[in-house]
Amino acid sequence: MQAGFRTFLVDPYEFEEVVRPKLPVLKEDVDHQADGVFRALRQWFAQLGVDMALTNGRSILWHDDGRLLVCAPHAELETIERALDKMHRDYSGKPHPRLEIRVIHLKPESFEAGLSELMLLAHGARSQAEVGAAVVRRFAQIGVEFASPKTCYYSRSRSYLALCAPRADLDTIEREVLRLNRQGPGQ
């Protein structure tokens, strides 16, 4: 079994329209996190007969902008390529904005305090998931809906917000994050 590497481009909009509806919906996939797309890709490949478990020497690396690196035997790489070609042919061709990735560095304490002042977070201890959900709610309030294939990931420990969305949405979000970041407790 000779393994190889191949890079594919998986248009996130095509994936959401053509493939995602055919996959079982998992509760954790509703959170608009990039790992939800990763899990969905693994599910899809399993349906194609390609088990991407790390224990069998296969692996995938997904980047929010649609780049997909796959390590698998050549026959399985061909299977994946045929499935991606079919996905492309089955896509409606509906135009969509180009997705971009942006990482916004922030001060978690000030940022979370700003969300608390907007009544989106309870004061006191909170989980990273609660903050992430509050962030998505705040963005919806300012007109940026996070529906797939857009993604949003908040990391308190690394002090950043990683986003994949159209540029106009990213610009709106960045202005709001900067405002919340400066707001801080009692400011």
Protein backbone atom coordinates (compact mmCIF):
# COMPACT_ATOMS: atom_id res chain seq x y z
CA MET A 1 0.00 0.00 0.00
CA GLN A 2 1.91 3.01 -1.33
CA ALA A 3 0.72 6.21 0.35
CA GLY A 4 0.97 9.63 -1.17
CA PHE A 5 0.08 13.24 -0.45
CA ARG A 6 -2.26 15.36 -2.47
CA THR A 7 -3.63 18.88 -1.99
CA PHE A 8 -7.19 19.62 -3.04
CA LEU A 9 -9.25 22.76 -3.07
CA VAL A 10 -12.65 22.17 -1.48
CA ASP A 11 -14.89 25.19 -2.03
CA PRO A 12 -16.63 25.57 1.35
CA TYR A 13 -19.85 26.80 -0.30
CA GLU A 14 -19.97 23.83 -2.66
CA PHE A 15 -19.32 21.48 0.25
CA GLU A 16 -22.15 23.05 2.29
CA GLU A 17 -24.63 22.87 -0.59
CA VAL A 18 -23.82 19.47 -2.10
CA VAL A 19 -22.22 17.24 0.55
CA ARG A 20 -23.25 18.46 4.02
CA PRO A 21 -26.99 17.75 3.52
CA LYS A 22 -26.14 14.09 2.83
CA LEU A 23 -24.24 13.66 6.10
CA PRO A 24 -25.73 12.89 9.51
CA VAL A 25 -26.09 16.02 11.64
CA LEU A 26 -24.05 15.88 14.81
CA LYS A 27 -24.77 18.20 17.73
CA GLU A 28 -21.15 19.41 17.84
CA ASP A 29 -21.28 20.39 14.14
CA VAL A 30 -23.80 23.18 14.81
CA ASP A 31 -21.24 25.36 16.60
CA HIS A 32 -19.71 26.98 13.47
CA GLN A 33 -16.23 25.87 14.44
CA ALA A 34 -13.72 24.81 11.83
CA ASP A 35 -13.39 21.36 13.39
CA GLY A 36 -17.05 20.77 12.42
CA VAL A 37 -16.03 20.94 8.76
CA PHE A 38 -13.10 18.65 9.51
CA ARG A 39 -15.42 16.07 11.11
CA ALA A 40 -17.84 16.37 8.19
CA LEU A 41 -15.01 15.74 5.69
CA ARG A 42 -13.98 12.64 7.62
CA GLN A 43 -17.63 11.44 7.64
CA TRP A 44 -17.90 12.00 3.90
CA PHE A 45 -14.66 10.17 3.17
CA ALA A 46 -15.84 7.27 5.34
CA GLN A 47 -19.01 7.09 3.19
CA LEU A 48 -16.71 6.87 0.17
CA GLY A 49 -14.88 3.94 1.79
CA VAL A 50 -11.84 5.94 2.86
CA ASP A 51 -11.28 5.67 6.61
CA MET A 52 -9.18 8.66 7.65
CA ALA A 53 -8.34 7.35 11.13
CA LEU A 54 -4.83 8.40 12.13
CA THR A 55 -4.16 4.87 13.35
CA ASN A 56 -4.20 3.49 9.81
CA GLY A 57 -1.56 5.83 8.39
CA ARG A 58 -4.01 8.20 6.69
CA SER A 59 -4.44 11.84 7.58
CA ILE A 60 -6.11 15.04 6.48
CA LEU A 61 -5.34 18.65 7.20
CA TRP A 62 -8.16 21.12 6.57
CA HIS A 63 -7.68 24.87 6.28
CA ASP A 64 -10.75 27.12 6.52
CA ASP A 65 -10.07 28.70 3.13
CA GLY A 66 -10.70 25.34 1.45
CA ARG A 67 -7.24 23.85 1.18
CA LEU A 68 -7.23 20.16 2.03
CA LEU A 69 -4.06 18.07 2.34
CA VAL A 70 -4.64 14.31 2.29
CA CYS A 71 -2.21 11.49 2.98
CA ALA A 72 -3.62 8.14 1.84
CA PRO A 73 -2.93 5.31 -0.60
CA HIS A 74 -3.02 6.44 -4.23
CA ALA A 75 -6.26 4.54 -4.98
CA GLU A 76 -8.02 6.34 -2.13
CA LEU A 77 -6.67 9.71 -3.28
CA GLU A 78 -8.23 8.98 -6.67
CA THR A 79 -11.55 8.14 -4.96
CA ILE A 80 -11.46 11.47 -3.11
CA GLU A 81 -10.59 13.37 -6.28
CA ARG A 82 -13.51 11.78 -8.19
CA ALA A 83 -15.89 12.67 -5.33
CA LEU A 84 -14.66 16.27 -5.30
CA ASP A 85 -15.09 16.48 -9.09
CA LYS A 86 -18.67 15.19 -8.73
CA MET A 87 -19.32 17.70 -5.94
CA HIS A 88 -18.14 20.48 -8.25
CA ARG A 89 -20.39 19.29 -11.10
CA ASP A 90 -23.42 19.01 -8.75
CA TYR A 91 -23.00 22.54 -7.38
CA SER A 92 -25.72 24.99 -8.41
CA GLY A 93 -23.17 27.59 -9.46
CA LYS A 94 -24.77 30.17 -7.20
CA PRO A 95 -22.28 33.04 -6.82
CA HIS A 96 -20.88 33.58 -3.36
CA PRO A 97 -18.43 35.95 -1.71
CA ARG A 98 -14.82 34.85 -1.35
CA LEU A 99 -13.94 33.66 2.14
CA GLU A 100 -10.89 35.02 3.89
CA ILE A 101 -9.23 34.13 7.15
CA ARG A 102 -8.34 36.66 9.81
CA VAL A 103 -6.93 36.27 13.29
CA ILE A 104 -7.71 39.11 15.66
CA HIS A 105 -5.62 39.34 18.80
CA LEU A 106 -7.41 40.60 21.88
CA LYS A 107 -7.31 40.96 25.66
CA PRO A 108 -9.60 38.16 26.89
CA GLU A 109 -10.51 39.88 30.17
CA SER A 110 -11.51 43.15 28.48
CA PHE A 111 -13.21 41.40 25.58
CA GLU A 112 -15.28 39.16 27.87
CA ALA A 113 -16.10 42.11 30.14
CA GLY A 114 -17.41 43.96 27.08
CA LEU A 115 -19.63 40.99 26.23
CA SER A 116 -20.85 40.91 29.85
CA GLU A 117 -21.78 44.60 29.73
CA LEU A 118 -23.90 43.84 26.67
CA MET A 119 -25.71 41.18 28.76
CA LEU A 120 -24.39 38.39 26.54
CA LEU A 121 -22.36 36.73 29.28
CA ALA A 122 -23.02 36.22 32.95
CA HIS A 123 -20.48 37.85 35.24
CA GLY A 124 -18.02 35.45 36.84
CA ALA A 125 -16.51 32.19 35.67
CA ARG A 126 -17.49 31.06 32.20
CA SER A 127 -16.35 28.40 29.79
CA GLN A 128 -14.66 29.09 26.49
CA ALA A 129 -17.70 27.55 24.74
CA GLU A 130 -20.03 30.02 26.51
CA VAL A 131 -17.86 32.92 25.40
CA GLY A 132 -17.72 31.56 21.85
CA ALA A 133 -21.53 31.35 21.74
CA ALA A 134 -21.81 34.91 23.11
CA VAL A 135 -19.40 36.10 20.41
CA VAL A 136 -21.55 34.58 17.65
CA ARG A 137 -24.69 36.15 19.22
CA ARG A 138 -22.99 39.57 19.32
CA PHE A 139 -21.93 39.32 15.70
CA ALA A 140 -25.52 38.43 14.74
CA GLN A 141 -26.68 41.57 16.58
CA ILE A 142 -24.39 43.73 14.42
CA GLY A 143 -25.51 42.03 11.20
CA VAL A 144 -22.97 39.24 10.71
CA GLU A 145 -24.60 35.81 10.75
CA PHE A 146 -22.29 32.85 11.27
CA ALA A 147 -23.80 30.11 9.18
CA SER A 148 -21.62 27.50 7.56
CA PRO A 149 -19.23 27.76 5.78
CA LYS A 150 -18.25 30.77 7.89
CA THR A 151 -16.35 29.83 11.04
CA CYS A 152 -15.48 31.55 14.28
CA TYR A 153 -13.13 30.23 16.97
CA TYR A 154 -12.35 32.01 20.23
CA SER A 155 -9.23 31.04 22.18
CA ARG A 156 -8.95 32.57 25.64
CA SER A 157 -5.59 30.91 26.36
CA ARG A 158 -4.03 32.21 23.14
CA SER A 159 -5.85 35.57 23.23
CA TYR A 160 -7.29 35.53 19.74
CA LEU A 161 -10.38 35.17 17.63
CA ALA A 162 -9.90 33.20 14.39
CA LEU A 163 -12.48 33.84 11.70
CA CYS A 164 -13.27 32.67 8.20
CA ALA A 165 -15.80 34.91 6.43
CA PRO A 166 -16.13 37.39 3.57
CA ARG A 167 -13.94 40.51 3.89
CA ALA A 168 -16.86 42.88 4.60
CA ASP A 169 -17.93 40.70 7.55
CA LEU A 170 -14.36 40.51 8.82
CA ASP A 171 -14.01 44.29 8.72
CA THR A 172 -17.26 44.74 10.67
CA ILE A 173 -16.20 42.11 13.21
CA GLU A 174 -12.75 43.61 13.66
CA ARG A 175 -14.22 47.04 14.47
CA GLU A 176 -16.55 45.46 17.05
CA VAL A 177 -13.78 43.38 18.63
CA LEU A 178 -11.60 46.48 18.96
CA ARG A 179 -14.51 48.35 20.57
CA LEU A 180 -15.20 45.52 23.03
CA ASN A 181 -11.49 45.09 23.72
CA ARG A 182 -11.13 48.76 24.73
CA GLN A 183 -14.38 48.82 26.68
CA GLY A 184 -13.14 46.58 29.51
CA PRO A 185 -14.44 46.58 33.06
CA GLY A 186 -15.67 49.93 34.29
CA GLN A 187 -14.52 51.85 31.17
